[in-house]
N, C-alpha and C. Protein backbone atom coordinates (compact mmCIF):
# COMPACT_ATOMS: atom_id res chain seq x y z
N MET A 1 23.79 5.39 -12.51
CA MET A 1 23.24 5.32 -13.85
C MET A 1 21.60 6.56 -13.51
N PHE A 2 21.17 6.31 -14.32
CA PHE A 2 20.05 7.48 -14.46
C PHE A 2 18.93 7.12 -14.91
N HIS A 3 18.10 7.29 -14.53
CA HIS A 3 16.51 6.98 -14.86
C HIS A 3 15.39 7.85 -14.71
N SER A 4 14.91 7.99 -15.57
CA SER A 4 13.72 8.63 -15.83
C SER A 4 12.40 8.61 -15.15
N ILE A 5 12.12 9.56 -14.54
CA ILE A 5 10.53 9.03 -13.55
C ILE A 5 10.18 10.39 -14.09
N ILE A 6 8.86 9.84 -14.20
CA ILE A 6 7.98 10.87 -14.87
C ILE A 6 6.79 10.79 -13.84
N ASN A 7 6.09 11.83 -12.94
CA ASN A 7 5.35 11.68 -11.47
C ASN A 7 4.19 12.59 -12.23
N ARG A 8 2.69 11.54 -12.56
CA ARG A 8 1.75 12.51 -12.73
C ARG A 8 0.77 12.05 -11.82
N SER A 9 0.85 12.64 -10.26
CA SER A 9 0.07 12.23 -9.57
C SER A 9 0.39 11.41 -9.29
N SER A 10 -0.19 10.12 -9.15
CA SER A 10 0.21 9.01 -8.35
C SER A 10 0.59 7.71 -9.33
N ASN A 11 0.82 8.33 -10.78
CA ASN A 11 0.85 7.56 -11.69
C ASN A 11 2.61 7.67 -12.22
N LEU A 12 3.23 6.87 -11.94
CA LEU A 12 4.52 6.58 -12.14
C LEU A 12 5.13 6.10 -12.75
N ALA A 13 5.97 6.77 -13.89
CA ALA A 13 7.04 5.71 -14.38
C ALA A 13 8.53 6.10 -14.73
N VAL A 14 9.22 5.20 -14.47
CA VAL A 14 10.72 5.07 -14.30
C VAL A 14 10.99 3.83 -15.43
N ASP A 15 11.86 4.37 -16.31
CA ASP A 15 12.28 3.34 -17.72
C ASP A 15 11.13 2.53 -17.95
N GLU A 16 11.15 1.24 -18.45
CA GLU A 16 10.29 0.60 -18.73
C GLU A 16 9.35 -0.20 -17.56
N LEU A 17 9.23 0.92 -16.20
CA LEU A 17 8.17 0.14 -15.37
C LEU A 17 6.89 1.35 -15.12
N LYS A 18 5.71 0.74 -14.93
CA LYS A 18 4.65 1.81 -14.55
C LYS A 18 4.55 1.49 -13.14
N ILE A 19 4.65 2.45 -12.63
CA ILE A 19 4.24 2.25 -10.87
C ILE A 19 2.82 3.26 -10.22
N ARG A 20 1.83 2.48 -9.60
CA ARG A 20 0.77 3.72 -9.48
C ARG A 20 -0.17 2.60 -8.68
N LEU A 21 -0.46 3.42 -7.76
CA LEU A 21 -1.49 3.14 -6.78
C LEU A 21 -2.67 2.17 -7.23
N ILE A 22 -3.02 1.23 -6.40
CA ILE A 22 -3.76 -0.37 -6.46
C ILE A 22 -5.06 0.41 -6.86
N ALA A 23 -5.97 0.20 -7.50
CA ALA A 23 -7.09 0.07 -7.65
C ALA A 23 -8.68 -1.15 -7.63
N SER A 24 -9.73 -1.06 -7.69
CA SER A 24 -10.61 -2.35 -7.42
C SER A 24 -10.33 -3.11 -8.60
N LYS A 25 -9.92 -1.86 -9.95
CA LYS A 25 -10.01 -2.60 -11.35
C LYS A 25 -8.72 -4.13 -10.91
N ASP A 26 -7.97 -4.18 -9.70
CA ASP A 26 -6.77 -4.66 -9.97
C ASP A 26 -6.43 -6.29 -9.37
N ALA A 27 -8.42 -6.20 -8.73
CA ALA A 27 -8.32 -7.76 -8.23
C ALA A 27 -7.84 -9.22 -8.59
N GLU A 28 -8.22 -8.66 -9.95
CA GLU A 28 -7.05 -10.21 -10.33
C GLU A 28 -5.87 -10.31 -10.53
N ARG A 29 -5.32 -9.25 -10.75
CA ARG A 29 -3.85 -9.35 -11.22
C ARG A 29 -3.21 -9.24 -9.83
N ILE A 30 -3.45 -8.51 -8.53
CA ILE A 30 -3.22 -8.86 -7.35
C ILE A 30 -3.23 -9.85 -6.81
N THR A 31 -4.57 -10.90 -6.77
CA THR A 31 -5.15 -11.89 -6.52
C THR A 31 -3.70 -13.02 -7.26
N ALA A 32 -3.62 -13.08 -8.65
CA ALA A 32 -2.72 -13.93 -9.09
C ALA A 32 -1.16 -13.27 -9.19
N TYR A 33 -0.85 -12.14 -8.55
CA TYR A 33 0.30 -11.92 -7.80
C TYR A 33 1.04 -12.83 -6.56
N TYR A 34 -0.08 -12.81 -5.41
CA TYR A 34 0.03 -13.67 -4.62
C TYR A 34 0.08 -15.10 -4.61
N GLN A 35 -1.04 -15.78 -5.53
CA GLN A 35 -1.10 -16.58 -5.53
C GLN A 35 0.19 -17.40 -6.32
N LYS A 36 1.00 -16.96 -7.19
CA LYS A 36 2.24 -17.32 -7.82
C LYS A 36 3.17 -17.13 -7.32
N ASN A 37 3.51 -16.14 -6.23
CA ASN A 37 4.69 -16.10 -5.41
C ASN A 37 4.33 -16.24 -4.15
N ARG A 38 3.38 -17.36 -3.77
CA ARG A 38 3.44 -17.43 -2.38
C ARG A 38 4.45 -18.30 -1.88
N ALA A 39 4.97 -19.16 -2.28
CA ALA A 39 5.58 -20.44 -1.60
C ALA A 39 6.82 -19.10 -1.92
N TYR A 40 7.62 -18.32 -2.67
CA TYR A 40 8.49 -17.65 -2.76
C TYR A 40 8.52 -16.60 -1.60
N LEU A 41 7.34 -15.91 -1.34
CA LEU A 41 7.59 -14.59 -0.28
C LEU A 41 6.96 -15.18 1.10
N GLN A 42 6.47 -16.59 1.38
CA GLN A 42 6.70 -16.64 2.33
C GLN A 42 7.38 -16.73 3.91
N PRO A 43 8.58 -16.70 3.46
CA PRO A 43 9.78 -16.90 4.66
C PRO A 43 10.10 -15.18 4.92
N TRP A 44 9.45 -14.35 3.90
CA TRP A 44 9.59 -12.93 4.11
C TRP A 44 8.26 -12.25 4.80
N GLU A 45 7.27 -12.93 5.15
CA GLU A 45 5.96 -12.16 5.11
C GLU A 45 5.23 -12.50 6.38
N PRO A 46 4.40 -12.04 7.36
CA PRO A 46 3.79 -12.42 8.15
C PRO A 46 2.97 -13.96 7.62
N LEU A 47 2.39 -14.80 8.13
CA LEU A 47 1.24 -16.17 7.99
C LEU A 47 0.51 -14.99 7.68
N ARG A 48 -0.65 -15.60 6.52
CA ARG A 48 -1.86 -14.96 5.97
C ARG A 48 -2.76 -16.21 5.37
N GLU A 49 -4.21 -16.04 6.17
CA GLU A 49 -4.95 -16.67 6.25
C GLU A 49 -5.27 -17.29 4.50
N GLU A 50 -5.90 -17.96 4.37
CA GLU A 50 -5.99 -18.58 3.08
C GLU A 50 -6.83 -17.40 2.21
N HIS A 51 -7.76 -16.75 3.07
CA HIS A 51 -8.44 -15.82 2.02
C HIS A 51 -7.96 -14.86 1.32
N PHE A 52 -6.63 -14.62 1.59
CA PHE A 52 -5.73 -13.88 1.30
C PHE A 52 -5.32 -13.99 -0.29
N TYR A 53 -5.49 -15.24 -0.25
CA TYR A 53 -4.73 -15.33 -1.76
C TYR A 53 -6.23 -16.12 -2.44
N THR A 54 -7.46 -15.21 -2.42
CA THR A 54 -8.00 -15.14 -3.07
C THR A 54 -9.06 -14.33 -3.76
N LEU A 55 -9.70 -14.17 -4.90
CA LEU A 55 -10.24 -13.47 -5.54
C LEU A 55 -11.32 -12.40 -4.68
N ALA A 56 -11.99 -13.12 -3.90
CA ALA A 56 -13.15 -12.79 -3.19
C ALA A 56 -12.54 -11.83 -2.01
N GLY A 57 -10.85 -12.65 -1.48
CA GLY A 57 -10.41 -11.54 -0.53
C GLY A 57 -10.02 -10.33 -0.51
N TRP A 58 -9.48 -10.89 -2.28
CA TRP A 58 -8.83 -9.23 -2.47
C TRP A 58 -9.69 -8.45 -3.36
N GLU A 59 -10.70 -8.85 -3.72
CA GLU A 59 -12.11 -7.50 -3.75
C GLU A 59 -12.51 -7.17 -2.30
N LYS A 60 -12.26 -7.36 -1.40
CA LYS A 60 -12.90 -7.38 -0.23
C LYS A 60 -11.95 -6.21 0.43
N ARG A 61 -10.41 -6.71 0.11
CA ARG A 61 -9.01 -6.16 0.62
C ARG A 61 -9.42 -4.55 -0.10
N LEU A 62 -9.69 -4.58 -1.19
CA LEU A 62 -9.27 -3.70 -2.04
C LEU A 62 -10.40 -2.26 -1.51
N ILE A 63 -11.58 -2.51 -1.22
CA ILE A 63 -12.30 -1.50 -0.89
C ILE A 63 -11.74 -0.98 0.37
N GLN A 64 -11.47 -1.52 1.32
CA GLN A 64 -10.26 -1.29 2.36
C GLN A 64 -9.33 -0.38 1.96
N LEU A 65 -8.50 -0.88 1.43
CA LEU A 65 -7.23 -0.38 0.61
C LEU A 65 -7.41 1.06 -0.01
N THR A 66 -8.71 1.25 -0.98
CA THR A 66 -9.10 2.33 -1.45
C THR A 66 -9.05 3.41 -0.62
N GLU A 67 -9.96 2.98 0.19
CA GLU A 67 -10.71 3.46 1.25
C GLU A 67 -9.58 4.70 2.40
N LEU A 68 -8.44 4.03 2.35
CA LEU A 68 -7.46 4.61 3.22
C LEU A 68 -6.59 5.33 2.12
N GLN A 69 -6.38 4.85 1.36
CA GLN A 69 -5.65 5.95 -0.23
C GLN A 69 -6.18 6.33 -0.07
N LYS A 70 -7.91 6.95 -0.14
CA LYS A 70 -8.22 7.97 -0.41
C LYS A 70 -8.78 9.07 0.55
N HIS A 71 -8.07 8.64 2.27
CA HIS A 71 -8.45 9.73 3.40
C HIS A 71 -7.09 9.53 3.56
N HIS A 72 -6.03 9.66 2.65
CA HIS A 72 -4.09 9.50 3.17
C HIS A 72 -3.79 9.03 3.98
N LEU A 73 -4.50 7.55 4.58
CA LEU A 73 -4.13 6.87 5.55
C LEU A 73 -3.11 5.82 5.19
N ALA A 74 -3.11 5.54 3.93
CA ALA A 74 -1.90 4.23 3.28
C ALA A 74 -2.19 4.41 2.21
N TYR A 75 -0.62 3.92 1.49
CA TYR A 75 -0.72 3.63 -0.26
C TYR A 75 -0.25 2.90 -0.38
N TYR A 76 -0.89 2.55 -1.33
CA TYR A 76 -0.38 0.73 -1.62
C TYR A 76 -0.09 0.85 -3.12
N PHE A 77 0.87 0.57 -3.67
CA PHE A 77 1.67 0.91 -5.48
C PHE A 77 1.63 -0.70 -5.67
N VAL A 78 0.68 -0.29 -7.07
CA VAL A 78 1.68 -1.70 -7.58
C VAL A 78 2.71 -1.53 -8.85
N VAL A 79 3.28 -2.33 -9.18
CA VAL A 79 4.58 -2.11 -10.21
C VAL A 79 4.12 -3.10 -10.99
N GLN A 80 4.26 -2.63 -12.19
CA GLN A 80 3.83 -3.50 -13.72
C GLN A 80 5.15 -3.00 -14.81
N GLN A 81 5.68 -4.23 -15.73
CA GLN A 81 6.42 -3.33 -16.65
C GLN A 81 5.46 -2.80 -18.21
N GLN A 82 6.07 -1.98 -18.61
CA GLN A 82 5.41 -1.33 -19.89
C GLN A 82 4.76 -2.29 -20.92
N GLY A 83 3.78 -2.71 -21.46
CA GLY A 83 3.22 -3.09 -22.24
C GLY A 83 2.29 -4.78 -21.70
N SER A 84 2.69 -4.96 -20.52
CA SER A 84 2.08 -6.26 -19.52
C SER A 84 0.91 -5.54 -18.34
N ASP A 85 0.09 -6.38 -18.31
CA ASP A 85 -0.97 -6.04 -16.78
C ASP A 85 -0.39 -6.57 -16.20
N GLU A 86 0.58 -7.84 -16.11
CA GLU A 86 1.24 -8.58 -14.76
C GLU A 86 1.32 -7.95 -13.65
N ILE A 87 1.34 -7.94 -12.50
CA ILE A 87 1.91 -6.90 -11.41
C ILE A 87 3.08 -7.98 -11.08
N CYS A 88 4.23 -7.27 -10.65
CA CYS A 88 5.63 -7.97 -10.97
C CYS A 88 6.08 -7.67 -9.21
N GLY A 89 5.31 -6.33 -8.44
CA GLY A 89 5.49 -6.30 -7.75
C GLY A 89 4.78 -5.12 -6.56
N VAL A 90 4.63 -4.69 -5.63
CA VAL A 90 4.29 -3.91 -4.68
C VAL A 90 5.49 -3.25 -3.68
N VAL A 91 4.67 -2.08 -3.49
CA VAL A 91 5.32 -0.94 -2.20
C VAL A 91 4.38 -0.17 -1.88
N ASN A 92 4.12 -0.46 -0.43
CA ASN A 92 3.67 0.10 0.71
C ASN A 92 3.68 0.53 1.26
N PHE A 93 3.12 2.01 2.00
CA PHE A 93 3.54 2.92 3.03
C PHE A 93 2.41 2.53 3.89
N SER A 94 2.73 2.72 5.13
CA SER A 94 1.33 2.32 6.13
C SER A 94 1.80 3.11 7.15
N ASN A 95 1.02 3.43 8.48
CA ASN A 95 1.37 3.59 9.50
C ASN A 95 1.88 5.13 9.20
N LEU A 96 1.21 5.89 8.85
CA LEU A 96 1.37 7.32 8.38
C LEU A 96 1.06 8.35 9.18
N VAL A 97 1.95 9.00 9.96
CA VAL A 97 1.85 9.96 10.59
C VAL A 97 1.92 11.70 10.66
N LYS A 98 1.25 12.29 10.69
CA LYS A 98 1.72 13.47 10.37
C LYS A 98 1.98 14.57 11.44
N HIS A 99 2.13 15.41 11.72
CA HIS A 99 1.99 16.20 13.26
C HIS A 99 2.00 15.88 14.02
N PRO A 100 3.36 15.82 14.74
CA PRO A 100 4.89 15.87 14.64
C PRO A 100 5.63 15.11 13.83
N PHE A 101 5.30 14.23 13.85
CA PHE A 101 6.33 13.04 13.48
C PHE A 101 7.21 12.77 11.78
N HIS A 102 5.57 13.36 11.03
CA HIS A 102 5.77 12.96 9.87
C HIS A 102 6.93 12.28 8.84
N ALA A 103 6.09 11.39 9.10
CA ALA A 103 6.91 9.73 8.83
C ALA A 103 5.93 8.55 8.70
N CYS A 104 6.46 7.37 8.12
CA CYS A 104 5.64 6.20 7.45
C CYS A 104 6.59 5.24 7.92
N HIS A 105 5.91 4.10 7.55
CA HIS A 105 6.72 2.79 6.63
C HIS A 105 6.48 2.39 5.41
N VAL A 106 7.72 1.81 5.27
CA VAL A 106 7.85 1.36 3.66
C VAL A 106 8.07 -0.26 3.75
N GLY A 107 6.72 -0.68 3.17
CA GLY A 107 7.07 -2.21 2.66
C GLY A 107 6.77 -2.66 0.79
N TYR A 108 7.80 -3.43 0.53
CA TYR A 108 7.33 -4.20 -0.64
C TYR A 108 8.10 -5.60 -0.70
N SER A 109 7.27 -6.05 -1.96
CA SER A 109 7.59 -7.70 -2.75
C SER A 109 7.96 -7.36 -4.27
N LEU A 110 8.49 -8.29 -4.55
CA LEU A 110 8.71 -8.40 -6.04
C LEU A 110 9.01 -10.09 -6.06
N GLY A 111 8.11 -10.14 -7.22
CA GLY A 111 7.73 -11.65 -7.88
C GLY A 111 8.99 -12.63 -7.76
N GLU A 112 9.40 -13.88 -7.47
CA GLU A 112 10.34 -14.37 -8.23
C GLU A 112 11.04 -14.06 -9.37
N ALA A 113 10.18 -14.50 -10.41
CA ALA A 113 10.44 -14.58 -12.01
C ALA A 113 11.50 -12.77 -12.29
N PHE A 114 10.78 -11.68 -11.22
CA PHE A 114 11.31 -10.23 -11.70
C PHE A 114 12.75 -10.36 -10.89
N GLN A 115 13.49 -10.93 -9.91
CA GLN A 115 14.32 -10.79 -9.18
C GLN A 115 16.02 -10.24 -10.11
N GLY A 116 16.55 -9.85 -9.26
CA GLY A 116 17.74 -9.18 -10.13
C GLY A 116 17.93 -8.07 -11.55
N GLN A 117 17.00 -7.70 -11.43
CA GLN A 117 16.47 -6.94 -12.84
C GLN A 117 16.62 -5.16 -12.42
N GLY A 118 17.09 -5.01 -11.16
CA GLY A 118 16.39 -3.88 -10.26
C GLY A 118 15.77 -3.05 -10.77
N ILE A 119 14.82 -3.74 -10.32
CA ILE A 119 13.02 -3.08 -10.06
C ILE A 119 12.84 -2.85 -9.03
N MET A 120 13.03 -3.19 -8.04
CA MET A 120 12.45 -2.83 -6.49
C MET A 120 13.48 -2.02 -6.70
N ARG A 121 14.65 -1.23 -6.49
CA ARG A 121 15.54 -0.93 -6.21
C ARG A 121 14.54 0.63 -6.84
N ARG A 122 14.49 0.59 -8.07
CA ARG A 122 13.85 1.96 -8.61
C ARG A 122 12.36 2.38 -8.31
N ALA A 123 11.62 0.75 -7.77
CA ALA A 123 10.71 1.59 -7.46
C ALA A 123 10.46 1.94 -6.09
N VAL A 124 11.07 1.17 -5.36
CA VAL A 124 11.10 2.07 -4.16
C VAL A 124 11.60 3.41 -4.22
N ASP A 125 12.97 3.60 -4.88
CA ASP A 125 13.50 5.08 -5.03
C ASP A 125 12.61 6.30 -5.36
N ALA A 126 11.38 5.32 -6.56
CA ALA A 126 10.94 6.22 -6.83
C ALA A 126 9.26 6.63 -6.23
N THR A 127 8.40 5.54 -5.42
CA THR A 127 7.83 6.06 -4.42
C THR A 127 8.10 6.75 -2.82
N VAL A 128 9.15 6.75 -2.48
CA VAL A 128 9.92 7.44 -1.38
C VAL A 128 10.13 8.61 -2.41
N GLN A 129 10.32 8.81 -3.31
CA GLN A 129 10.47 10.53 -3.71
C GLN A 129 9.31 11.16 -3.98
N TRP A 130 8.04 10.26 -4.38
CA TRP A 130 6.47 10.52 -4.50
C TRP A 130 6.25 10.71 -2.98
N ILE A 131 6.65 10.37 -2.40
CA ILE A 131 6.06 10.42 -0.80
C ILE A 131 6.72 11.54 -0.31
N PHE A 132 8.17 11.79 -0.71
CA PHE A 132 8.35 12.93 0.10
C PHE A 132 7.94 14.38 -0.41
N GLU A 133 7.72 14.09 -2.19
CA GLU A 133 7.48 15.55 -2.82
C GLU A 133 5.95 15.72 -2.98
N ASP A 134 5.21 14.35 -3.09
CA ASP A 134 3.84 14.87 -3.02
C ASP A 134 2.83 15.04 -1.86
N ARG A 135 3.58 14.39 -1.10
CA ARG A 135 2.90 14.07 0.38
C ARG A 135 3.78 14.68 1.61
N ASN A 136 4.99 15.01 1.27
CA ASN A 136 5.32 16.31 2.03
C ASN A 136 5.85 15.22 3.89
N PHE A 137 6.27 13.99 3.13
CA PHE A 137 6.56 13.38 4.66
C PHE A 137 8.06 13.54 4.35
N HIS A 138 8.79 13.62 5.94
CA HIS A 138 9.96 13.59 6.61
C HIS A 138 11.02 12.22 6.42
N ARG A 139 10.26 11.48 6.80
CA ARG A 139 10.85 10.30 7.04
C ARG A 139 10.41 9.34 6.62
N VAL A 140 11.01 8.09 5.87
CA VAL A 140 10.25 7.16 5.90
C VAL A 140 11.13 5.76 6.27
N MET A 141 10.46 5.26 7.34
CA MET A 141 11.03 3.81 7.84
C MET A 141 10.93 2.74 7.20
N ALA A 142 12.24 1.78 6.82
CA ALA A 142 11.93 0.05 6.52
C ALA A 142 12.96 -0.58 7.46
N ALA A 143 12.42 -1.75 7.75
CA ALA A 143 13.01 -2.98 8.54
C ALA A 143 13.61 -3.77 7.45
N TYR A 144 14.26 -4.66 7.93
CA TYR A 144 14.27 -5.78 7.31
C TYR A 144 14.98 -7.31 8.32
N MET A 145 14.78 -8.54 7.88
CA MET A 145 15.72 -9.32 8.58
C MET A 145 17.03 -9.46 8.16
N PRO A 146 17.79 -9.25 9.09
CA PRO A 146 19.75 -9.54 8.96
C PRO A 146 19.76 -10.56 7.42
N ARG A 147 19.35 -11.71 7.32
CA ARG A 147 19.61 -12.65 6.10
C ARG A 147 18.86 -12.52 4.74
N ASN A 148 17.76 -10.94 4.90
CA ASN A 148 17.52 -10.57 3.71
C ASN A 148 18.61 -9.58 2.83
N GLU A 149 19.41 -10.19 2.18
CA GLU A 149 20.34 -9.66 1.81
C GLU A 149 20.12 -8.45 0.79
N ARG A 150 18.72 -9.29 -0.22
CA ARG A 150 18.65 -8.63 -0.96
C ARG A 150 18.00 -7.44 -1.24
N SER A 151 17.03 -7.30 0.18
CA SER A 151 16.27 -6.30 0.88
C SER A 151 17.30 -4.42 0.99
N GLU A 152 18.57 -5.68 2.12
CA GLU A 152 19.82 -5.10 2.32
C GLU A 152 19.77 -3.75 1.14
N LYS A 153 20.13 -4.52 -0.02
CA LYS A 153 21.01 -4.06 -0.99
C LYS A 153 19.74 -2.65 -1.44
N VAL A 154 19.00 -2.87 -1.37
CA VAL A 154 17.58 -2.25 -2.25
C VAL A 154 18.12 -1.00 -1.43
N LEU A 155 17.67 -1.30 -0.23
CA LEU A 155 17.24 0.15 0.91
C LEU A 155 18.98 0.94 1.03
N GLN A 156 19.63 0.52 1.09
CA GLN A 156 21.38 0.99 1.07
C GLN A 156 21.39 1.91 -0.53
N SER A 157 21.31 1.04 -1.55
CA SER A 157 20.96 2.08 -2.92
C SER A 157 20.65 2.64 -3.10
N VAL A 158 19.32 2.80 -2.18
CA VAL A 158 18.50 3.90 -2.16
C VAL A 158 18.53 5.28 -0.80
N GLY A 159 19.64 5.19 0.09
CA GLY A 159 19.79 5.75 0.83
C GLY A 159 19.24 5.70 1.97
N PHE A 160 18.90 4.52 1.99
CA PHE A 160 18.70 4.66 3.71
C PHE A 160 19.56 4.54 4.73
N GLU A 161 19.58 4.72 5.68
CA GLU A 161 20.50 4.26 6.83
C GLU A 161 20.11 3.46 8.03
N ARG A 162 20.98 2.97 7.94
CA ARG A 162 20.74 1.77 9.45
C ARG A 162 20.99 2.60 10.99
N GLU A 163 19.59 2.87 11.73
CA GLU A 163 18.84 3.49 12.61
C GLU A 163 19.49 2.16 14.01
N GLY A 164 19.25 1.01 13.93
CA GLY A 164 19.02 0.13 14.77
C GLY A 164 19.27 -1.38 14.89
N TYR A 165 18.89 -2.17 15.85
CA TYR A 165 18.53 -3.54 15.72
C TYR A 165 17.30 -3.38 16.11
N ALA A 166 16.37 -4.73 15.75
CA ALA A 166 15.31 -4.71 16.79
C ALA A 166 15.24 -6.17 16.86
N LYS A 167 15.07 -6.38 18.14
CA LYS A 167 15.36 -8.30 18.64
C LYS A 167 13.64 -8.81 18.49
N ASP A 168 12.97 -9.63 18.28
CA ASP A 168 11.77 -10.49 17.96
C ASP A 168 11.11 -8.87 17.96
N TYR A 169 11.32 -7.93 16.52
CA TYR A 169 10.49 -6.98 15.79
C TYR A 169 9.31 -7.49 15.28
N LEU A 170 9.08 -8.20 14.54
CA LEU A 170 8.11 -8.96 13.67
C LEU A 170 7.94 -10.31 13.30
N LEU A 171 6.37 -10.74 13.76
CA LEU A 171 5.80 -11.92 13.61
C LEU A 171 5.90 -12.69 12.09
N ILE A 172 6.53 -13.02 11.61
CA ILE A 172 7.47 -13.19 10.06
C ILE A 172 7.31 -14.78 9.99
N ASN A 173 6.18 -15.34 9.16
CA ASN A 173 6.24 -16.86 8.70
C ASN A 173 5.89 -17.37 9.96
N GLY A 174 5.53 -17.09 11.08
CA GLY A 174 5.01 -17.61 12.77
C GLY A 174 5.85 -17.72 13.83
N HIS A 175 7.20 -16.78 13.13
CA HIS A 175 8.06 -16.38 14.31
C HIS A 175 8.39 -15.26 14.48
N TRP A 176 9.21 -14.85 15.53
CA TRP A 176 9.85 -13.57 15.96
C TRP A 176 10.39 -13.32 15.09
N GLU A 177 10.78 -12.22 14.65
CA GLU A 177 12.23 -12.01 14.20
C GLU A 177 12.79 -11.16 14.25
N ASP A 178 14.35 -10.68 14.25
CA ASP A 178 14.94 -9.46 14.02
C ASP A 178 15.12 -8.95 13.23
N HIS A 179 15.04 -7.94 13.45
CA HIS A 179 15.09 -6.61 12.32
C HIS A 179 15.85 -5.59 12.40
N VAL A 180 16.82 -5.39 10.88
CA VAL A 180 17.66 -3.71 11.14
C VAL A 180 16.56 -2.89 10.81
N LEU A 181 16.76 -1.77 11.80
CA LEU A 181 15.68 -0.76 11.64
C LEU A 181 16.83 0.62 10.71
N THR A 182 15.87 1.09 9.22
CA THR A 182 16.44 1.92 8.68
C THR A 182 15.53 3.14 8.41
N SER A 183 16.03 4.22 8.08
CA SER A 183 15.50 5.26 7.38
C SER A 183 15.78 6.31 6.82
N LYS A 184 15.04 7.08 5.68
CA LYS A 184 15.29 7.64 4.55
C LYS A 184 14.65 9.15 4.76
N ARG A 185 16.00 10.17 5.38
CA ARG A 185 15.28 11.31 5.40
C ARG A 185 14.77 12.67 4.43
N ASN A 186 13.68 13.67 4.07
CA ASN A 186 13.79 14.18 3.29
C ASN A 186 14.28 15.45 3.87
N PRO A 187 15.49 15.82 2.77
CA PRO A 187 16.31 16.71 2.57
C PRO A 187 15.68 18.23 2.69
N ASN A 188 14.56 17.90 1.71
CA ASN A 188 13.75 19.08 1.14
C ASN A 188 12.76 19.54 2.11
N TRP A 189 12.13 18.81 3.55
CA TRP A 189 11.28 18.68 4.02
C TRP A 189 11.25 20.31 4.53
N LYS A 190 9.41 21.14 4.04
CA LYS A 190 9.26 22.29 4.42
C LYS A 190 7.71 22.18 5.20
N PRO A 191 7.91 22.74 6.05
CA PRO A 191 6.34 22.76 7.03
C PRO A 191 4.89 23.41 6.13
N VAL A 192 4.21 23.21 5.91
CA VAL A 192 2.99 23.14 5.00
C VAL A 192 2.30 23.82 5.63
């Protein structure tokens, strides 16, 4: 299925989705996203301190995230549906390393009410395309827990390939979890 992607710098539009870098104006919306999906996301994420779920915590965190984005050290995208201000998901790129690696990690989450609509598949595809074309990265890496079948399907559907298996890879929800390691390479990468 073909999906139209419009890229205006870091503002992406895919079908009915708006995908853009997070900004300080999003403090209330991102707080609401994590409060609403706290229990749903808990099995898949690190343990969070209580301030992570507060407006004050997100106002402080957004200062850091916008600085990281300004200096091209990380990118944190929010996903919304056209006509709605509600954040339905996030896609973030971290551990950005340029020469000689030209690679980074991608992570993402989607609210419980938005599961099963292909939203995350389209959001990951569009943002990976952006990081390849606009930021000139060669490789994007992602890891998922073997029991997370939804994440596995998202990554497979957008062209990530399995590269390995890591025991006790990340501390998730208070427990060391094994992860399947995947990556997608940019076939059009050129040195700048």
